[in-house]
Amino acid sequence: MYLLSIIIVVYTIALTLIFIYALAQLNLLSNYLKAQKKQSQAVKFHFSNPNNIPFVSIQLPVYNEMYVMERLLENISKMDYPKDKLEIQVLDDSTDESLELTQKLVKQLKLSGVNIVHIHRTKRTGFKAGALKEGLKVAKGEFIAIFDADFLPRPNWLKETIPYFKDENIGVVQTRWSHLNRNHSVLTKIQAFALDAHFTLEQVGRNSKSHFINFNGTAGVWRKTCILEAGNWEGDTLTEDLDLSYRAQLKNWKFKYLEDVET
């Protein structure tokens, strides 16, 4: 009888938590549907005026990415943005043979006129967060775009995201992830579906009501001032992106999520 009572209590608690979660998801769905009906009123830079085009630093934190480095650098080098307003930082903590390959590729891109630097650390203090922090010390850009090694933004990506920073309260513009291998297997289809739910229902649902959202670690742009004011990247957590996101929003910085811009 005692065991049965425990089972009933545990079952009831679990059922209650599931019900609360379902209500939360229903609220996000409602917010998402309402957001689809709204016309964007966001103020944006007009790049027809060269004076409105800010300097941007692209950071590429990489670690032993032998099989995707060439694809990544080739893609990023095609970014459609004024060359005198753009720099690319390859933040390379690699310890394998990819280090030599990356150095070679960066040298070739430099010779072709791309403003790109290769920053290698021998000690991986802070891991990804540490690499981003190290690059930020010498970054010239007012805005910092970040891409992991397996992300391939379209050439006009910066022109689709940077204009939203005309609102001086916006600290981050986050874009939606897309999938290169969605149809590779049943597993990748399930993973893509789960991520799509997050990047549509959850991110839009929260952002449309000015609730906290998070920078997803890649495929987004930070205002450099926002990073510094929020306390900079910290390597004492596995979720440095979530950590800095919440510290920034607690400082009253706004985040802008762009569902229609896929990366």
Protein backbone atom coordinates (compact mmCIF):
# COMPACT_ATOMS: atom_id res chain seq x y z
CA MET A 1 0.00 0.00 0.00
CA TYR A 2 2.87 2.37 0.86
CA LEU A 3 4.63 1.61 -2.46
CA LEU A 4 1.39 2.21 -4.36
CA SER A 5 1.00 5.62 -2.70
CA ILE A 6 4.55 6.59 -3.71
CA ILE A 7 3.88 5.52 -7.30
CA ILE A 8 0.66 7.55 -7.43
CA VAL A 9 2.43 10.65 -6.04
CA VAL A 10 5.31 10.36 -8.50
CA TYR A 11 2.89 9.76 -11.37
CA THR A 12 0.78 12.77 -10.38
CA ILE A 13 3.84 15.04 -10.15
CA ALA A 14 5.09 13.85 -13.55
CA LEU A 15 1.67 14.36 -15.11
CA THR A 16 1.43 17.87 -13.63
CA LEU A 17 4.86 18.83 -14.98
CA ILE A 18 3.97 17.51 -18.44
CA PHE A 19 0.73 19.48 -18.35
CA ILE A 20 2.56 22.70 -17.39
CA TYR A 21 5.11 22.11 -20.18
CA ALA A 22 2.28 21.52 -22.66
CA LEU A 23 0.66 24.82 -21.62
CA ALA A 24 3.98 26.62 -22.09
CA GLN A 25 4.36 25.15 -25.58
CA LEU A 26 0.77 26.10 -26.40
CA ASN A 27 1.53 29.66 -25.34
CA LEU A 28 4.59 29.70 -27.63
CA LEU A 29 2.47 28.39 -30.49
CA SER A 30 -0.08 31.16 -29.89
CA ASN A 31 2.70 33.77 -29.83
CA TYR A 32 4.20 32.33 -33.02
CA LEU A 33 0.91 32.45 -34.93
CA LYS A 34 0.28 36.03 -33.81
CA ALA A 35 3.79 37.02 -34.85
CA GLN A 36 3.18 35.72 -38.39
CA LYS A 37 0.37 38.24 -38.81
CA LYS A 38 2.42 41.25 -37.73
CA GLN A 39 4.28 43.53 -40.10
CA SER A 40 7.85 44.25 -39.02
CA GLN A 41 8.32 47.81 -37.79
CA ALA A 42 12.06 47.44 -37.20
CA VAL A 43 14.25 50.38 -38.09
CA LYS A 44 17.19 49.45 -40.31
CA PHE A 45 20.31 50.92 -41.84
CA HIS A 46 20.03 51.71 -45.53
CA PHE A 47 23.22 50.53 -47.16
CA SER A 48 22.63 52.71 -50.20
CA ASN A 49 24.47 55.30 -48.09
CA PRO A 50 28.11 54.14 -47.65
CA ASN A 51 28.32 56.06 -44.38
CA ASN A 52 25.73 53.69 -42.89
CA ILE A 53 27.89 50.62 -43.50
CA PRO A 54 29.70 49.67 -40.26
CA PHE A 55 32.91 47.68 -39.88
CA VAL A 56 32.25 43.98 -39.21
CA SER A 57 34.56 41.28 -37.86
CA ILE A 58 33.72 37.67 -38.69
CA GLN A 59 35.03 35.16 -36.14
CA LEU A 60 35.49 31.51 -37.09
CA PRO A 61 36.33 29.45 -33.97
CA VAL A 62 37.72 26.11 -35.14
CA TYR A 63 39.33 23.06 -33.60
CA ASN A 64 40.69 20.13 -35.66
CA GLU A 65 38.24 20.72 -38.53
CA MET A 66 40.31 19.07 -41.25
CA TYR A 67 37.41 18.01 -43.46
CA VAL A 68 35.44 21.26 -43.57
CA MET A 69 38.04 24.05 -43.37
CA GLU A 70 38.47 24.51 -47.10
CA ARG A 71 34.70 24.62 -47.64
CA LEU A 72 34.25 27.06 -44.76
CA LEU A 73 36.93 29.54 -45.83
CA GLU A 74 35.89 29.43 -49.47
CA ASN A 75 32.32 30.22 -48.44
CA ILE A 76 33.17 33.04 -46.01
CA SER A 77 35.56 34.66 -48.48
CA LYS A 78 32.61 35.17 -50.87
CA MET A 79 30.72 37.34 -48.38
CA ASP A 80 29.18 40.29 -50.24
CA TYR A 81 30.28 43.22 -48.10
CA PRO A 82 32.67 46.14 -48.69
CA LYS A 83 36.21 44.83 -48.32
CA ASP A 84 37.35 47.92 -46.45
CA LYS A 85 34.62 47.31 -43.84
CA LEU A 86 35.23 43.61 -43.22
CA GLU A 87 37.82 41.42 -41.53
CA ILE A 88 37.83 37.66 -40.98
CA GLN A 89 39.43 36.08 -37.92
CA VAL A 90 40.20 32.37 -38.03
CA LEU A 91 40.43 31.48 -34.33
CA ASP A 92 42.29 28.22 -34.66
CA ASP A 93 42.96 26.08 -31.58
CA SER A 94 43.78 23.01 -33.69
CA THR A 95 46.36 20.46 -32.62
CA ASP A 96 46.30 18.19 -35.68
CA GLU A 97 47.37 18.47 -39.31
CA SER A 98 44.45 20.81 -40.07
CA LEU A 99 46.52 23.63 -38.56
CA GLU A 100 48.99 23.56 -41.44
CA LEU A 101 46.16 23.31 -43.99
CA THR A 102 44.36 26.30 -42.50
CA GLN A 103 47.55 28.39 -42.48
CA LYS A 104 48.02 27.60 -46.17
CA LEU A 105 44.41 28.47 -47.06
CA VAL A 106 44.52 31.74 -45.12
CA LYS A 107 47.75 32.72 -46.87
CA GLN A 108 46.15 32.08 -50.28
CA LEU A 109 43.11 34.16 -49.41
CA LYS A 110 45.32 37.01 -48.19
CA LEU A 111 47.15 37.03 -51.51
CA SER A 112 43.80 37.26 -53.30
CA GLY A 113 42.93 40.42 -51.36
CA VAL A 114 40.78 39.03 -48.54
CA ASN A 115 41.28 40.75 -45.17
CA ILE A 116 41.81 37.61 -43.11
CA VAL A 117 44.01 36.72 -40.13
CA HIS A 118 44.91 33.39 -38.59
CA ILE A 119 45.05 33.41 -34.78
CA HIS A 120 46.45 30.23 -33.21
CA ARG A 121 46.59 29.51 -29.49
CA THR A 122 48.87 26.85 -28.08
CA LYS A 123 46.85 26.66 -24.86
CA ARG A 124 43.09 26.21 -25.19
CA THR A 125 42.21 28.20 -22.08
CA GLY A 126 38.44 28.64 -21.98
CA PHE A 127 38.04 26.51 -25.12
CA LYS A 128 35.64 28.15 -27.64
CA ALA A 129 34.78 31.01 -25.27
CA GLY A 130 38.49 31.62 -24.71
CA ALA A 131 39.16 31.72 -28.46
CA LEU A 132 36.33 34.21 -29.04
CA LYS A 133 37.59 36.35 -26.17
CA GLU A 134 41.14 36.30 -27.52
CA GLY A 135 39.97 37.35 -30.97
CA LEU A 136 37.81 40.11 -29.54
CA LYS A 137 40.91 41.79 -28.09
CA VAL A 138 42.12 42.67 -31.58
CA ALA A 139 38.82 42.70 -33.49
CA LYS A 140 38.36 45.97 -35.38
CA GLY A 141 34.65 45.54 -36.01
CA GLU A 142 31.83 47.32 -34.25
CA PHE A 143 29.86 44.13 -34.86
CA ILE A 144 31.04 40.54 -34.46
CA ALA A 145 29.56 37.78 -36.63
CA ILE A 146 30.26 34.23 -35.45
CA PHE A 147 30.12 31.00 -37.47
CA ASP A 148 31.06 27.48 -36.45
CA ALA A 149 32.98 25.39 -38.97
CA ASP A 150 29.91 23.57 -40.33
CA PHE A 151 27.91 26.72 -41.16
CA LEU A 152 27.77 28.21 -44.65
CA PRO A 153 26.07 31.63 -44.73
CA ARG A 154 24.82 33.05 -48.02
CA PRO A 155 26.90 35.86 -49.59
CA ASN A 156 24.30 38.50 -48.67
CA TRP A 157 24.04 37.31 -45.03
CA LEU A 158 25.63 40.42 -43.50
CA LYS A 159 23.39 42.68 -45.57
CA GLU A 160 20.37 40.83 -44.17
CA THR A 161 21.44 41.07 -40.53
CA ILE A 162 23.60 44.14 -39.87
CA PRO A 163 20.88 46.70 -40.83
CA TYR A 164 18.86 45.79 -37.72
CA PHE A 165 21.58 47.26 -35.52
CA LYS A 166 20.35 50.75 -36.34
CA ASP A 167 18.31 50.26 -33.17
CA GLU A 168 21.04 51.03 -30.63
CA ASN A 169 19.33 48.84 -28.01
CA ILE A 170 19.85 45.68 -30.06
CA GLY A 171 22.85 43.70 -28.90
CA VAL A 172 22.38 40.49 -30.91
CA VAL A 173 20.81 39.45 -34.20
CA GLN A 174 20.32 35.67 -34.37
CA THR A 175 19.36 33.78 -37.53
CA ARG A 176 17.72 30.44 -38.13
CA TRP A 177 19.82 27.31 -38.67
CA SER A 178 19.36 25.35 -41.89
CA HIS A 179 20.55 21.80 -42.61
CA LEU A 180 22.97 20.58 -45.25
CA ASN A 181 22.25 16.91 -44.52
CA ARG A 182 18.56 16.95 -43.59
CA ASN A 183 17.70 14.01 -45.89
CA HIS A 184 20.83 11.96 -45.24
CA SER A 185 19.10 9.47 -42.91
CA VAL A 186 16.13 9.01 -40.62
CA LEU A 187 18.25 10.28 -37.73
CA THR A 188 19.19 13.53 -39.50
CA LYS A 189 15.54 14.09 -40.45
CA ILE A 190 14.53 13.75 -36.78
CA GLN A 191 17.34 16.05 -35.65
CA ALA A 192 16.38 18.64 -38.28
CA PHE A 193 12.72 18.49 -37.19
CA ALA A 194 13.64 19.03 -33.53
CA LEU A 195 15.92 21.97 -34.36
CA ASP A 196 13.32 23.49 -36.66
CA ALA A 197 10.81 23.40 -33.80
CA HIS A 198 13.24 25.36 -31.64
CA PHE A 199 14.13 27.88 -34.34
CA THR A 200 10.53 28.58 -35.33
CA LEU A 201 8.08 27.94 -32.52
CA GLU A 202 10.33 28.66 -29.54
CA GLN A 203 12.61 31.45 -30.74
CA VAL A 204 9.87 33.36 -32.58
CA GLY A 205 7.34 32.74 -29.82
CA ARG A 206 9.64 34.17 -27.17
CA ASN A 207 11.18 37.00 -29.18
CA SER A 208 7.81 38.28 -30.43
CA LYS A 209 6.81 38.99 -26.82
CA SER A 210 10.22 40.40 -25.84
CA HIS A 211 10.99 37.39 -23.65
CA PHE A 212 14.59 36.24 -23.22
CA ILE A 213 16.03 34.21 -26.08
CA ASN A 214 19.58 32.98 -26.52
CA PHE A 215 22.32 33.40 -29.06
CA ASN A 216 22.70 29.87 -30.42
CA GLY A 217 26.50 29.82 -30.48
CA THR A 218 26.74 30.46 -34.22
CA ALA A 219 24.96 32.10 -37.15
CA GLY A 220 24.46 35.37 -35.31
CA VAL A 221 25.95 38.83 -34.85
CA TRP A 222 26.88 40.57 -31.60
CA ARG A 223 27.37 44.26 -31.00
CA LYS A 224 30.90 44.41 -29.57
CA THR A 225 29.80 46.90 -26.91
CA CYS A 226 27.14 44.46 -25.76
CA ILE A 227 29.67 41.65 -25.29
CA LEU A 228 31.96 43.84 -23.22
CA GLU A 229 29.21 45.42 -21.15
CA ALA A 230 27.77 41.99 -20.32
CA GLY A 231 31.13 40.80 -19.00
CA ASN A 232 32.65 39.18 -22.10
CA TRP A 233 32.90 35.47 -22.89
CA GLU A 234 33.51 33.15 -19.95
CA GLY A 235 34.98 29.68 -20.28
CA ASP A 236 33.75 28.33 -16.94
CA THR A 237 30.58 26.85 -18.47
CA LEU A 238 29.75 24.43 -21.28
CA THR A 239 27.08 26.84 -22.53
CA GLU A 240 29.01 30.07 -22.99
CA ASP A 241 26.48 31.25 -25.57
CA LEU A 242 23.50 30.91 -23.21
CA ASP A 243 25.51 32.38 -20.33
CA LEU A 244 26.49 35.56 -22.18
CA SER A 245 23.01 35.85 -23.73
CA TYR A 246 21.28 36.03 -20.36
CA ARG A 247 23.90 38.33 -18.86
CA ALA A 248 23.40 40.70 -21.81
CA GLN A 249 19.61 40.67 -21.55
CA LEU A 250 19.81 41.26 -17.82
CA LYS A 251 21.71 44.42 -18.79
CA ASN A 252 18.62 45.37 -20.86
CA TRP A 253 20.11 44.62 -24.27
CA LYS A 254 17.54 43.51 -26.86
CA PHE A 255 17.89 40.44 -29.07
CA LYS A 256 16.45 40.25 -32.58
CA TYR A 257 15.58 36.89 -34.11
CA LEU A 258 15.28 36.56 -37.90
CA GLU A 259 13.30 33.47 -38.85
CA ASP A 260 13.53 34.20 -42.58
CA VAL A 261 17.34 34.38 -42.67
CA GLU A 262 18.72 30.83 -42.78
CA THR A 263 22.33 29.91 -42.20
